[in-house]
């Protein structure tokens, strides 16, 4: 195929979604052990909105992003030029979020390779990747479905299986509490349900809870109409609590998660949609709460390449289809980001690029 001399991309100066601008740039070209990818679809994350708004500052190990850069990280595309023995022209690929996080525990050096900050991201028509920074896209998924897996899918996979050894994924018979119905939450619901777990989902929307039921949720709780939702979790688990909790709420939900986790259970700190700081009159005594039910509290920062590939095998075996809420056109990038930030979506929001 013939390649263009110039490409279209979106750039941010981390000063707001309204100031995101579309620009023209020369077509990049791969060096040794690199490939050029034509990006077809891109999934956006809450992190992307924070980066673009200049709010993503709680990780001090990522280094400083450039003054103006291409945002976003999760893409599906096709290799159009290759200087690597690992990939050939025509291969469908997915990006890894932290490009050099190949295996094991994440370290500060890995976080310096994050796409969409501090490295340039994927909201562009073409991008060059190192050959180790990609995985094979599942054949049975569309580009729009597959692009959702790099952050949402892998984060959810690590929440369910990250404390288990590689190759020993589990979940059968466990009780998993998922907060909300965003990208990570719905990925977690699908993974846990396919693993044989009993999944509990919370949301403020009965309509979304009905959708969650159709995806395999065993129990649903509306936290607006049921303020003491942690007590309902204990009720539906016969007083035991959840083995695994997706703690997506943050400051306003963590205390409740501690109250409804199983003795010896796992709370995964993933998001902070309710805030990053406790209210001044309601400090969470984490030490005491962790002791109270002998809890493991684990921060989740995505996962390495080998766990991504492990997850993709599971998806292929179970033929899990990621939930895409809405697809926007490339020229509608601002609208897509504002739609995601408003929080009304169920599953993932995707931008079709080519």
Protein backbone atom coordinates (compact mmCIF):
# COMPACT_ATOMS: atom_id res chain seq x y z
CA UNK A 1 0.00 0.00 0.00
CA UNK A 2 1.15 3.56 -0.62
CA UNK A 3 1.88 5.63 2.47
CA UNK A 4 1.18 9.35 2.93
CA UNK A 5 3.95 11.88 3.36
CA UNK A 6 2.08 13.63 6.18
CA UNK A 7 -0.38 12.47 8.85
CA UNK A 8 -3.09 13.98 11.03
CA UNK A 9 -2.84 13.83 14.81
CA UNK A 10 -4.26 15.46 17.93
CA UNK A 11 -1.99 17.32 20.36
CA UNK A 12 -2.43 18.60 23.89
CA UNK A 13 -0.54 21.10 26.02
CA UNK A 14 -2.20 19.62 29.12
CA UNK A 15 -4.42 22.70 29.41
CA UNK A 16 -7.89 21.28 28.85
CA UNK A 17 -9.94 19.20 26.45
CA UNK A 18 -11.25 22.37 24.83
CA UNK A 19 -7.68 23.27 23.79
CA UNK A 20 -6.89 19.92 22.17
CA UNK A 21 -5.88 20.66 18.58
CA UNK A 22 -5.55 18.67 15.38
CA UNK A 23 -2.19 19.11 13.63
CA UNK A 24 -0.26 17.81 10.64
CA UNK A 25 3.07 16.01 11.02
CA UNK A 26 5.53 14.17 8.75
CA UNK A 27 5.00 10.42 8.45
CA UNK A 28 7.34 8.78 11.00
CA UNK A 29 9.56 5.89 9.92
CA UNK A 30 10.75 2.89 11.92
CA UNK A 31 14.37 2.34 12.85
CA UNK A 32 16.06 -0.91 13.79
CA UNK A 33 13.71 -3.30 15.67
CA UNK A 34 10.80 -0.92 15.16
CA UNK A 35 7.58 -1.03 13.16
CA UNK A 36 5.24 1.56 11.68
CA UNK A 37 1.60 0.98 12.60
CA UNK A 38 -1.43 2.45 10.84
CA UNK A 39 -3.82 3.01 13.74
CA UNK A 40 -7.41 2.02 13.05
CA UNK A 41 -9.12 2.40 16.43
CA UNK A 42 -8.29 3.86 19.81
CA UNK A 43 -9.98 3.41 23.20
CA UNK A 44 -9.88 6.31 25.62
CA UNK A 45 -9.51 6.15 29.38
CA UNK A 46 -10.23 8.46 32.32
CA UNK A 47 -6.45 8.82 32.61
CA UNK A 48 -6.40 10.44 29.17
CA UNK A 49 -8.80 13.16 30.26
CA UNK A 50 -6.66 13.85 33.34
CA UNK A 51 -3.50 14.12 31.25
CA UNK A 52 -5.16 16.49 28.79
CA UNK A 53 -6.57 18.61 31.65
CA UNK A 54 -3.19 18.76 33.42
CA UNK A 55 -4.46 16.78 36.42
CA UNK A 56 -2.41 13.58 36.10
CA UNK A 57 0.30 14.46 38.61
CA UNK A 58 0.11 11.82 41.35
CA UNK A 59 2.82 9.59 39.78
CA UNK A 60 6.19 11.26 40.35
CA UNK A 61 8.14 8.51 38.58
CA UNK A 62 6.80 9.08 35.08
CA UNK A 63 8.97 12.09 34.27
CA UNK A 64 7.78 15.28 32.64
CA UNK A 65 5.69 15.10 29.45
CA UNK A 66 6.65 17.34 26.57
CA UNK A 67 5.07 20.80 26.30
CA UNK A 68 2.83 19.60 23.49
CA UNK A 69 2.23 15.93 22.80
CA UNK A 70 -0.11 13.36 21.29
CA UNK A 71 -2.31 11.89 24.07
CA UNK A 72 -3.97 8.48 24.64
CA UNK A 73 -2.52 4.99 24.72
CA UNK A 74 -4.80 2.10 23.73
CA UNK A 75 -4.77 1.36 20.03
CA UNK A 76 -5.41 -1.40 17.54
CA UNK A 77 -3.74 -1.13 14.16
CA UNK A 78 -1.91 -2.81 11.31
CA UNK A 79 1.83 -2.99 10.70
CA UNK A 80 2.56 -1.12 7.47
CA UNK A 81 6.39 -1.14 7.58
CA UNK A 82 8.68 -3.34 9.64
CA UNK A 83 12.36 -3.34 10.56
CA UNK A 84 11.83 -6.17 13.04
CA UNK A 85 11.98 -9.96 12.63
CA UNK A 86 9.06 -10.24 15.09
CA UNK A 87 6.42 -8.46 13.01
CA UNK A 88 5.53 -8.44 9.33
CA UNK A 89 3.49 -6.05 7.22
CA UNK A 90 -0.20 -6.83 7.66
CA UNK A 91 -0.02 -8.02 11.28
CA UNK A 92 -2.84 -6.68 13.48
CA UNK A 93 -1.41 -5.43 16.76
CA UNK A 94 -2.31 -3.85 20.09
CA UNK A 95 -0.16 -1.41 22.04
CA UNK A 96 1.18 -2.14 25.52
CA UNK A 97 0.51 0.76 27.90
CA UNK A 98 3.93 0.94 29.60
CA UNK A 99 6.01 0.01 26.58
CA UNK A 100 8.97 -1.62 28.34
CA UNK A 101 7.02 -3.36 31.11
CA UNK A 102 7.51 -6.88 29.77
CA UNK A 103 7.25 -8.97 32.93
CA UNK A 104 7.22 -8.84 36.70
CA UNK A 105 6.55 -6.02 39.14
CA UNK A 106 6.39 -2.56 37.62
CA UNK A 107 9.31 -0.27 38.51
CA UNK A 108 9.85 3.48 38.01
CA UNK A 109 11.76 2.93 34.77
CA UNK A 110 8.71 1.19 33.27
CA UNK A 111 6.48 4.14 34.10
CA UNK A 112 8.71 6.40 32.05
CA UNK A 113 7.59 4.41 28.99
CA UNK A 114 3.86 5.11 29.42
CA UNK A 115 2.05 5.99 26.19
CA UNK A 116 0.16 9.27 26.20
CA UNK A 117 2.38 10.60 29.04
CA UNK A 118 5.24 10.89 29.32
CA UNK A 119 5.74 9.32 25.85
CA UNK A 120 3.75 10.56 22.85
CA UNK A 121 0.52 8.62 22.53
CA UNK A 122 -1.69 7.09 19.87
CA UNK A 123 -4.33 9.69 18.92
CA UNK A 124 -2.73 9.82 15.49
CA UNK A 125 -3.05 8.08 12.13
CA UNK A 126 0.39 6.40 12.23
CA UNK A 127 2.89 5.73 14.99
CA UNK A 128 6.25 3.96 15.29
CA UNK A 129 6.57 1.35 18.05
CA UNK A 130 9.48 -0.73 19.33
CA UNK A 131 8.81 -4.36 18.45
CA UNK A 132 8.56 -5.35 22.15
CA UNK A 133 5.82 -2.74 22.75
CA UNK A 134 3.10 -4.64 20.88
CA UNK A 135 1.04 -7.82 21.17
CA UNK A 136 -0.98 -9.70 18.55
CA UNK A 137 -4.62 -8.59 18.28
CA UNK A 138 -7.21 -11.38 18.68
CA UNK A 139 -8.51 -12.52 15.29
CA UNK A 140 -12.11 -12.85 16.46
CA UNK A 141 -12.43 -9.25 17.68
CA UNK A 142 -13.04 -6.13 15.61
CA UNK A 143 -10.50 -3.30 15.82
CA UNK A 144 -12.97 -1.30 17.91
CA UNK A 145 -13.32 -4.15 20.41
CA UNK A 146 -9.67 -5.14 20.53
CA UNK A 147 -8.34 -1.62 21.18
CA UNK A 148 -10.14 -1.58 24.55
CA UNK A 149 -7.93 -4.25 26.10
CA UNK A 150 -4.58 -2.57 26.84
CA UNK A 151 -5.61 -0.65 29.97
CA UNK A 152 -9.15 -1.68 30.89
CA UNK A 153 -8.71 -5.37 30.11
CA UNK A 154 -5.23 -5.80 31.58
CA UNK A 155 -6.05 -3.79 34.72
CA UNK A 156 -9.12 -5.94 35.32
CA UNK A 157 -7.15 -9.12 34.64
CA UNK A 158 -4.51 -8.09 37.19
CA UNK A 159 -7.20 -7.27 39.75
CA UNK A 160 -8.55 -10.82 39.47
CA UNK A 161 -5.29 -12.70 38.83
CA UNK A 162 -2.34 -10.44 39.58
CA UNK A 163 -1.71 -12.03 42.98
CA UNK A 164 -1.63 -15.51 41.40
CA UNK A 165 1.41 -16.88 39.54
CA UNK A 166 1.60 -16.46 35.78
CA UNK A 167 -0.29 -19.29 34.11
CA UNK A 168 -2.44 -20.07 37.14
CA UNK A 169 -5.46 -17.83 36.59
CA UNK A 170 -8.36 -18.56 38.89
CA UNK A 171 -11.57 -17.07 40.22
CA UNK A 172 -13.92 -20.06 40.18
CA UNK A 173 -16.21 -19.98 43.19
CA UNK A 174 -14.90 -16.61 44.38
CA UNK A 175 -17.10 -13.61 45.08
CA UNK A 176 -15.97 -10.48 43.22
CA UNK A 177 -17.29 -6.97 43.88
CA UNK A 178 -17.02 -4.53 40.98
CA UNK A 179 -17.68 -0.84 41.59
CA UNK A 180 -19.30 0.99 38.69
CA UNK A 181 -19.81 0.23 35.01
CA UNK A 182 -16.89 1.96 33.30
CA UNK A 183 -14.22 0.28 31.19
CA UNK A 184 -12.23 -1.51 33.90
CA UNK A 185 -15.39 -2.42 35.82
CA UNK A 186 -17.15 -4.05 32.86
CA UNK A 187 -13.94 -5.83 31.83
CA UNK A 188 -13.70 -7.11 35.40
CA UNK A 189 -17.30 -8.30 35.32
CA UNK A 190 -16.72 -10.20 32.08
CA UNK A 191 -13.43 -11.76 33.20
CA UNK A 192 -14.69 -12.76 36.64
CA UNK A 193 -17.98 -14.17 35.31
CA UNK A 194 -16.15 -16.16 32.63
CA UNK A 195 -13.83 -17.49 35.36
CA UNK A 196 -16.78 -18.89 37.30
CA UNK A 197 -16.87 -16.21 39.98
CA UNK A 198 -20.03 -14.80 41.56
CA UNK A 199 -19.98 -11.12 40.59
CA UNK A 200 -21.59 -8.22 42.44
CA UNK A 201 -21.88 -4.87 40.61
CA UNK A 202 -22.67 -1.46 42.08
CA UNK A 203 -23.96 1.54 40.12
CA UNK A 204 -26.20 4.57 40.56
CA UNK A 205 -28.20 3.57 37.46
CA UNK A 206 -30.80 0.81 37.43
CA UNK A 207 -30.60 0.71 33.63
CA UNK A 208 -26.85 0.03 33.79
CA UNK A 209 -27.36 -2.60 36.47
CA UNK A 210 -29.83 -4.34 34.18
CA UNK A 211 -27.15 -4.37 31.48
CA UNK A 212 -24.68 -5.79 34.00
CA UNK A 213 -27.11 -8.60 34.77
CA UNK A 214 -27.16 -9.55 31.10
CA UNK A 215 -23.34 -9.77 31.14
CA UNK A 216 -23.35 -12.23 34.02
CA UNK A 217 -23.62 -10.22 37.24
CA UNK A 218 -25.15 -12.42 39.96
CA UNK A 219 -26.11 -9.46 42.19
CA UNK A 220 -26.54 -5.74 41.51
CA UNK A 221 -26.76 -2.88 44.01
CA UNK A 222 -27.85 0.71 43.37
CA UNK A 223 -25.64 2.71 45.73
CA UNK A 224 -27.79 5.84 45.39
CA UNK A 225 -30.96 4.16 46.65
CA UNK A 226 -29.00 1.86 48.97
CA UNK A 227 -26.58 4.11 50.83
CA UNK A 228 -25.34 1.24 53.00
CA UNK A 229 -24.38 -0.88 50.02
CA UNK A 230 -21.57 -2.56 51.95
CA UNK A 231 -24.21 -4.18 54.15
CA UNK A 232 -25.99 -5.48 51.07
CA UNK A 233 -22.71 -7.01 49.87
CA UNK A 234 -22.41 -8.85 53.18
CA UNK A 235 -26.03 -9.96 52.90
CA UNK A 236 -25.69 -11.51 49.42
CA UNK A 237 -22.42 -13.22 50.44
CA UNK A 238 -24.01 -14.79 53.55
CA UNK A 239 -22.06 -12.48 55.83
CA UNK A 240 -18.64 -13.46 54.48
CA UNK A 241 -17.88 -10.54 52.17
CA UNK A 242 -16.20 -10.39 48.77
CA UNK A 243 -12.97 -12.27 48.05
CA UNK A 244 -11.87 -9.58 45.57
CA UNK A 245 -12.96 -5.95 45.33
CA UNK A 246 -12.44 -3.58 42.40
CA UNK A 247 -12.01 -0.36 44.40
CA UNK A 248 -12.76 2.15 41.64
CA UNK A 249 -14.35 4.84 43.79
CA UNK A 250 -11.46 6.04 45.91
CA UNK A 251 -11.82 8.38 48.87
CA UNK A 252 -15.59 8.01 49.33
CA UNK A 253 -15.82 4.22 48.90
CA UNK A 254 -12.67 2.72 50.41
CA UNK A 255 -14.02 2.57 53.97
CA UNK A 256 -17.11 0.72 52.76
CA UNK A 257 -14.92 -1.70 50.80
CA UNK A 258 -13.01 -2.52 53.99
CA UNK A 259 -16.31 -3.29 55.71
CA UNK A 260 -17.50 -5.79 53.10
CA UNK A 261 -14.32 -7.57 52.05
CA UNK A 262 -13.88 -11.18 53.14
CA UNK A 263 -11.46 -11.97 55.95
CA UNK A 264 -8.14 -12.41 54.17
CA UNK A 265 -9.61 -10.85 51.02
CA UNK A 266 -8.10 -8.52 48.43
CA UNK A 267 -8.97 -4.88 47.75
CA UNK A 268 -7.54 -3.60 44.46
CA UNK A 269 -7.04 0.18 44.45
CA UNK A 270 -7.71 1.04 40.81
CA UNK A 271 -9.55 4.36 40.50
CA UNK A 272 -10.64 7.44 42.40
CA UNK A 273 -13.80 8.65 40.70
CA UNK A 274 -15.21 9.85 44.04
CA UNK A 275 -12.02 11.76 44.86
CA UNK A 276 -8.38 11.32 45.80
CA UNK A 277 -8.49 12.77 49.33
CA UNK A 278 -10.67 11.84 52.32
CA UNK A 279 -13.06 14.46 53.65
CA UNK A 280 -11.50 16.35 56.57
CA UNK A 281 -14.14 15.05 58.98
CA UNK A 282 -14.00 11.45 57.75
CA UNK A 283 -10.40 10.25 57.67
CA UNK A 284 -9.92 6.59 56.77
CA UNK A 285 -7.72 4.80 59.31
CA UNK A 286 -6.31 2.38 56.76
CA UNK A 287 -4.06 0.59 59.21
CA UNK A 288 -6.89 -0.29 61.57
CA UNK A 289 -9.31 -1.19 58.78
CA UNK A 290 -6.78 -3.51 57.13
CA UNK A 291 -6.13 -5.24 60.45
CA UNK A 292 -9.84 -5.57 61.17
CA UNK A 293 -10.44 -8.15 58.41
CA UNK A 294 -6.84 -9.20 57.71
CA UNK A 295 -7.01 -7.52 54.31
CA UNK A 296 -4.54 -7.21 51.43
CA UNK A 297 -4.68 -3.73 49.90
CA UNK A 298 -3.06 -3.68 46.45
CA UNK A 299 -2.49 -0.79 44.08
CA UNK A 300 -2.96 -1.73 40.42
CA UNK A 301 -0.94 0.04 37.72
CA UNK A 302 -1.96 -2.02 34.69
CA UNK A 303 0.24 -5.08 34.09
CA UNK A 304 3.20 -6.47 32.12
CA UNK A 305 3.27 -7.84 28.59
CA UNK A 306 3.33 -11.49 29.65
CA UNK A 307 0.13 -11.06 31.70
CA UNK A 308 -1.46 -9.19 28.75
CA UNK A 309 -0.73 -12.20 26.54
CA UNK A 310 -2.02 -14.53 29.25
CA UNK A 311 -5.26 -12.53 29.32
CA UNK A 312 -5.59 -12.63 25.52
CA UNK A 313 -5.44 -16.44 25.58
CA UNK A 314 -8.23 -16.47 28.16
CA UNK A 315 -10.33 -14.05 26.10
CA UNK A 316 -9.84 -16.24 23.03
CA UNK A 317 -10.79 -19.42 24.92
CA UNK A 318 -13.95 -17.84 26.35
CA UNK A 319 -14.63 -15.67 23.28
CA UNK A 320 -15.23 -12.64 25.50
CA UNK A 321 -16.40 -9.61 23.51
CA UNK A 322 -15.46 -6.27 25.11
CA UNK A 323 -18.36 -3.86 25.56
CA UNK A 324 -18.07 -0.73 23.42
CA UNK A 325 -20.51 1.97 24.51
CA UNK A 326 -19.98 4.37 21.61
CA UNK A 327 -17.65 4.95 18.66
CA UNK A 328 -16.66 8.48 17.62
CA UNK A 329 -14.97 9.65 14.42
CA UNK A 330 -11.36 10.86 14.45
CA UNK A 331 -12.49 14.47 14.00
CA UNK A 332 -14.76 14.06 17.06
CA UNK A 333 -11.93 13.44 19.54
CA UNK A 334 -12.96 16.35 21.80
CA UNK A 335 -16.56 15.16 21.88
CA UNK A 336 -15.40 11.63 22.73
CA UNK A 337 -13.24 12.80 25.63
CA UNK A 338 -15.98 15.03 27.02
CA UNK A 339 -18.46 12.15 26.73
CA UNK A 340 -16.14 9.87 28.69
CA UNK A 341 -15.40 12.51 31.33
CA UNK A 342 -19.14 13.04 31.91
CA UNK A 343 -19.30 9.44 33.12
CA UNK A 344 -22.50 8.27 31.47
CA UNK A 345 -20.91 5.47 29.47
CA UNK A 346 -21.24 1.70 29.99
CA UNK A 347 -18.03 -0.07 29.02
CA UNK A 348 -15.55 1.60 26.67
CA UNK A 349 -15.55 4.71 24.47
CA UNK A 350 -13.68 4.34 21.18
CA UNK A 351 -12.40 6.69 18.48
CA UNK A 352 -12.30 5.31 14.92
CA UNK A 353 -9.14 6.62 13.27
CA UNK A 354 -8.80 4.93 9.89
